Amino acid sequence: MSRYSNIISGRVKNMQKCSVRSFSFRSIIKFLSIYYRVKPESAKPPYNFICQVGDPVLRQKAAPIDTKIIQTQEFQNTVDHLHKMLRKYDTVGLAAPQIGLPWQLFVIELREDSVNEVHPFFQKTCNIVPCPLTYFINPKLEIINPEEDIMFETCASINCYHAEVARPLEVEIKALNRFGEPFCWREKGWLARIAHHEMDHLKGLLYTDRMFPLTFDYIDWEKTYNKKRNVVIN
């Protein structure tokens, strides 16, 4: 703890100036953890987990990918790994920054079996349709229909929370596929929302930057509450 002594002393002095008469050891540990976050040496990007809000990589602007590396085996392995993480965490979109790589790359996959789990009414209302596995390298997004739709969103980097977010109804993306070939992708409804969400990740943005704050909610609060309520302390 010696290397933290100056920080602790400074914190105590600040609390004294603010007339704060007591503080807990836990608060000091929490304070230190914010400024000295260290990932294990074994954890090097691309990660085998999804970065959570608070990780600096999620706030970086992603850099364009040099087209010369797209055909390399290392890059192709990274692309496959991104898809593997998408499947592992059961998401429909995932951006490279979410696995620790500040690159302009994301993937979308909305399988038919996932769509079929949604009630037909919501499939139609929200325009939810399948999308084959699609990689977007160095994407450029254009909003085709600026009219916005407001719906709840989740994000694998803000686990267990959701909030209402406004997104454009239709977008078009020009990008390179996993082999470096240019293509144009145009979608509306739910897929447009997913793409707009993933593009935000490449800009260092999260849905919390766009959300209606009062709708931000913990998804499993009832389950958590009931579990804690049923705990018997002897």
Protein backbone atom coordinates (compact mmCIF):
# COMPACT_ATOMS: atom_id res chain seq x y z
CA MET A 1 0.00 0.00 0.00
CA SER A 2 3.00 2.30 0.19
CA ARG A 3 2.70 3.60 -3.36
CA TYR A 4 -0.91 4.64 -2.66
CA SER A 5 -0.08 6.61 0.52
CA ASN A 6 0.02 10.02 -1.17
CA ILE A 7 -3.34 9.43 -2.85
CA ILE A 8 -4.93 8.31 0.40
CA SER A 9 -3.47 11.30 2.26
CA GLY A 10 -4.77 13.65 -0.40
CA ARG A 11 -8.20 12.07 -0.26
CA VAL A 12 -8.31 12.48 3.54
CA LYS A 13 -7.32 16.16 3.27
CA ASN A 14 -10.01 16.79 0.67
CA MET A 15 -12.60 15.13 2.86
CA GLN A 16 -11.47 17.28 5.81
CA LYS A 17 -11.83 20.42 3.72
CA CYS A 18 -15.36 19.38 2.83
CA SER A 19 -16.15 18.74 6.51
CA VAL A 20 -16.53 15.01 5.94
CA ARG A 21 -15.87 13.40 9.34
CA SER A 22 -15.66 9.72 8.43
CA PHE A 23 -14.84 7.43 5.55
CA SER A 24 -14.60 3.70 5.07
CA PHE A 25 -11.73 1.51 3.98
CA ARG A 26 -14.07 0.15 1.29
CA SER A 27 -14.49 3.65 -0.18
CA ILE A 28 -10.69 4.00 -0.43
CA ILE A 29 -10.38 0.64 -2.21
CA LYS A 30 -13.13 1.64 -4.63
CA PHE A 31 -11.45 4.98 -5.26
CA LEU A 32 -8.11 3.31 -5.98
CA SER A 33 -9.67 0.72 -8.27
CA ILE A 34 -10.95 3.49 -10.54
CA TYR A 35 -7.48 4.95 -11.06
CA TYR A 36 -5.48 1.74 -11.09
CA ARG A 37 -7.45 -0.64 -13.26
CA VAL A 38 -5.09 -3.34 -14.43
CA LYS A 39 -5.96 -6.18 -16.77
CA PRO A 40 -4.23 -9.52 -16.23
CA GLU A 41 -1.15 -10.04 -18.39
CA SER A 42 -2.89 -12.98 -20.03
CA ALA A 43 -5.74 -10.72 -21.18
CA LYS A 44 -4.59 -9.16 -24.43
CA PRO A 45 -6.86 -8.13 -27.28
CA PRO A 46 -8.71 -9.58 -28.97
CA TYR A 47 -10.27 -10.63 -25.67
CA ASN A 48 -12.27 -13.75 -24.93
CA PHE A 49 -14.78 -11.54 -23.14
CA ILE A 50 -16.70 -8.36 -23.92
CA CYS A 51 -15.37 -5.09 -22.51
CA GLN A 52 -17.73 -3.41 -20.07
CA VAL A 53 -18.56 0.27 -19.72
CA GLY A 54 -15.67 2.01 -18.00
CA ASP A 55 -13.03 0.36 -20.18
CA PRO A 56 -11.24 3.22 -22.02
CA VAL A 57 -11.28 1.34 -25.33
CA LEU A 58 -15.05 1.83 -25.53
CA ARG A 59 -14.53 5.61 -25.55
CA GLN A 60 -11.84 5.69 -28.24
CA LYS A 61 -12.56 6.60 -31.83
CA ALA A 62 -11.76 3.49 -33.83
CA ALA A 63 -9.00 3.71 -36.43
CA PRO A 64 -9.45 2.70 -40.08
CA ILE A 65 -8.08 -0.71 -40.95
CA ASP A 66 -5.19 -0.82 -43.41
CA THR A 67 -6.53 -2.74 -46.40
CA LYS A 68 -3.14 -4.42 -46.80
CA ILE A 69 -3.70 -6.53 -43.68
CA ILE A 70 -7.22 -7.73 -44.53
CA GLN A 71 -5.98 -10.77 -46.44
CA THR A 72 -3.56 -11.84 -43.72
CA GLN A 73 -4.28 -14.93 -41.67
CA GLU A 74 -3.96 -12.96 -38.43
CA PHE A 75 -6.68 -10.53 -39.46
CA GLN A 76 -8.96 -13.29 -40.71
CA ASN A 77 -8.53 -15.07 -37.37
CA THR A 78 -9.54 -11.86 -35.60
CA VAL A 79 -12.64 -11.57 -37.77
CA ASP A 80 -13.60 -15.15 -36.92
CA HIS A 81 -12.98 -14.45 -33.25
CA LEU A 82 -15.33 -11.44 -33.35
CA HIS A 83 -18.08 -13.70 -34.70
CA LYS A 84 -17.25 -16.33 -32.09
CA MET A 85 -17.76 -13.73 -29.31
CA LEU A 86 -21.03 -12.63 -30.91
CA ARG A 87 -22.31 -16.21 -30.74
CA LYS A 88 -20.86 -16.82 -27.27
CA TYR A 89 -22.67 -13.83 -25.78
CA ASP A 90 -25.79 -14.30 -27.89
CA THR A 91 -25.80 -10.82 -29.43
CA VAL A 92 -26.93 -9.68 -32.86
CA GLY A 93 -24.14 -7.17 -33.39
CA LEU A 94 -20.63 -6.74 -32.04
CA ALA A 95 -17.91 -4.16 -32.72
CA ALA A 96 -14.15 -4.63 -32.52
CA PRO A 97 -13.74 -2.15 -29.62
CA GLN A 98 -15.94 -4.44 -27.53
CA ILE A 99 -13.21 -7.10 -27.64
CA GLY A 100 -10.46 -4.58 -27.00
CA LEU A 101 -9.53 -3.60 -30.57
CA PRO A 102 -10.03 0.09 -31.53
CA TRP A 103 -10.62 -0.82 -35.17
CA GLN A 104 -13.33 0.19 -37.61
CA LEU A 105 -14.89 -3.24 -37.77
CA PHE A 106 -18.17 -4.75 -36.66
CA VAL A 107 -20.35 -7.75 -37.43
CA ILE A 108 -24.11 -8.29 -37.60
CA GLU A 109 -25.94 -11.59 -37.60
CA LEU A 110 -29.63 -12.02 -36.90
CA ARG A 111 -30.57 -15.66 -37.37
CA GLU A 112 -33.99 -16.83 -38.45
CA ASP A 113 -34.46 -18.94 -35.31
CA SER A 114 -33.87 -15.82 -33.19
CA VAL A 115 -36.43 -13.87 -35.20
CA ASN A 116 -38.96 -16.69 -34.79
CA GLU A 117 -38.68 -16.36 -31.02
CA VAL A 118 -40.20 -12.88 -31.32
CA HIS A 119 -43.99 -12.60 -31.38
CA PRO A 120 -45.26 -12.06 -34.97
CA PHE A 121 -46.90 -8.79 -33.91
CA PHE A 122 -43.56 -7.34 -32.84
CA GLN A 123 -41.80 -8.80 -35.87
CA LYS A 124 -44.14 -6.79 -38.06
CA THR A 125 -44.34 -3.66 -35.91
CA CYS A 126 -40.58 -3.39 -35.39
CA ASN A 127 -39.68 -4.70 -38.85
CA ILE A 128 -37.53 -7.50 -37.43
CA VAL A 129 -36.15 -9.70 -40.21
CA PRO A 130 -33.18 -12.09 -40.42
CA CYS A 131 -29.76 -10.93 -41.54
CA PRO A 132 -27.00 -13.29 -42.67
CA LEU A 133 -23.56 -13.01 -41.11
CA THR A 134 -22.16 -9.71 -42.42
CA TYR A 135 -18.82 -8.05 -41.65
CA PHE A 136 -18.33 -4.31 -42.02
CA ILE A 137 -14.77 -2.99 -42.40
CA ASN A 138 -14.14 0.79 -42.50
CA PRO A 139 -17.90 1.46 -42.78
CA LYS A 140 -19.46 4.77 -43.78
CA LEU A 141 -23.09 5.26 -42.74
CA GLU A 142 -25.66 7.48 -44.40
CA ILE A 143 -29.09 8.08 -42.87
CA ILE A 144 -31.70 7.48 -45.58
CA ASN A 145 -34.81 8.12 -43.51
CA PRO A 146 -34.11 10.58 -40.66
CA GLU A 147 -37.46 9.87 -39.03
CA GLU A 148 -36.70 8.23 -35.70
CA ASP A 149 -38.18 5.26 -33.91
CA ILE A 150 -37.92 4.96 -30.13
CA MET A 151 -37.35 1.50 -28.68
CA PHE A 152 -35.56 -0.21 -25.82
CA GLU A 153 -31.98 -1.23 -26.45
CA THR A 154 -29.46 -3.43 -24.69
CA CYS A 155 -25.71 -3.69 -25.14
CA ALA A 156 -23.31 -6.49 -24.27
CA SER A 157 -20.95 -3.82 -22.89
CA ILE A 158 -23.61 -2.56 -20.44
CA ASN A 159 -24.70 -5.94 -19.19
CA CYS A 160 -28.18 -6.42 -17.67
CA TYR A 161 -29.44 -2.89 -18.40
CA HIS A 162 -31.65 -1.36 -21.06
CA ALA A 163 -33.10 2.01 -22.01
CA GLU A 164 -35.18 3.68 -24.70
CA VAL A 165 -33.14 5.09 -27.58
CA ALA A 166 -34.17 6.98 -30.71
CA ARG A 167 -32.65 5.70 -33.97
CA PRO A 168 -33.22 6.53 -37.66
CA LEU A 169 -35.66 4.28 -39.50
CA GLU A 170 -33.44 3.54 -42.50
CA VAL A 171 -29.70 3.62 -43.13
CA GLU A 172 -27.22 2.74 -45.84
CA ILE A 173 -23.68 1.57 -45.19
CA LYS A 174 -20.80 1.39 -47.63
CA ALA A 175 -17.99 -0.81 -46.37
CA LEU A 176 -15.53 -3.56 -47.18
CA ASN A 177 -16.38 -7.20 -46.52
CA ARG A 178 -14.01 -9.60 -44.77
CA PHE A 179 -12.10 -10.10 -48.02
CA GLY A 180 -11.64 -6.39 -48.68
CA GLU A 181 -14.34 -6.16 -51.34
CA PRO A 182 -16.58 -3.06 -51.32
CA PHE A 183 -20.33 -3.50 -50.86
CA CYS A 184 -23.41 -1.46 -50.09
CA TRP A 185 -25.88 -2.50 -47.37
CA ARG A 186 -29.25 -0.79 -46.95
CA GLU A 187 -31.76 -1.73 -44.27
CA LYS A 188 -34.62 -0.31 -42.27
CA GLY A 189 -36.30 -1.01 -38.94
CA TRP A 190 -34.54 -3.26 -36.45
CA LEU A 191 -31.48 -3.94 -38.62
CA ALA A 192 -31.01 -0.19 -39.17
CA ARG A 193 -31.09 0.22 -35.40
CA ILE A 194 -28.46 -2.48 -34.89
CA ALA A 195 -26.17 -0.96 -37.52
CA HIS A 196 -26.54 2.54 -36.09
CA HIS A 197 -25.77 1.16 -32.61
CA GLU A 198 -22.61 -0.60 -33.85
CA MET A 199 -21.46 2.49 -35.73
CA ASP A 200 -21.68 4.38 -32.46
CA HIS A 201 -19.18 1.95 -30.94
CA LEU A 202 -16.68 2.95 -33.63
CA LYS A 203 -17.13 6.60 -32.59
CA GLY A 204 -16.55 5.90 -28.92
CA LEU A 205 -20.24 6.24 -28.10
CA LEU A 206 -22.61 4.02 -26.12
CA TYR A 207 -26.39 3.94 -26.17
CA THR A 208 -26.34 5.65 -22.78
CA ASP A 209 -25.16 8.79 -24.63
CA ARG A 210 -28.40 8.79 -26.63
CA MET A 211 -30.89 7.24 -24.22
CA PHE A 212 -33.83 8.83 -22.46
CA PRO A 213 -32.29 8.79 -18.95
CA LEU A 214 -35.48 8.07 -17.02
CA THR A 215 -35.96 4.82 -18.97
CA PHE A 216 -32.58 3.39 -17.96
CA ASP A 217 -33.35 0.24 -16.01
CA TYR A 218 -31.85 -2.94 -14.64
CA ILE A 219 -33.46 -5.76 -16.59
CA ASP A 220 -33.33 -8.47 -13.92
CA TRP A 221 -34.17 -6.36 -10.89
CA GLU A 222 -37.26 -8.44 -10.01
CA LYS A 223 -35.31 -11.70 -10.20
CA THR A 224 -32.47 -10.23 -8.12
CA TYR A 225 -34.89 -8.78 -5.57
CA ASN A 226 -36.80 -12.04 -5.18
CA LYS A 227 -33.56 -14.00 -4.82
CA LYS A 228 -32.30 -11.69 -2.06
CA ARG A 229 -35.69 -11.57 -0.36
CA ASN A 230 -35.72 -15.36 -0.06
CA VAL A 231 -32.30 -15.52 1.58
CA VAL A 232 -32.56 -16.84 5.14
CA ILE A 233 -29.90 -15.60 7.57
CA ASN A 234 -29.31 -17.93 10.50
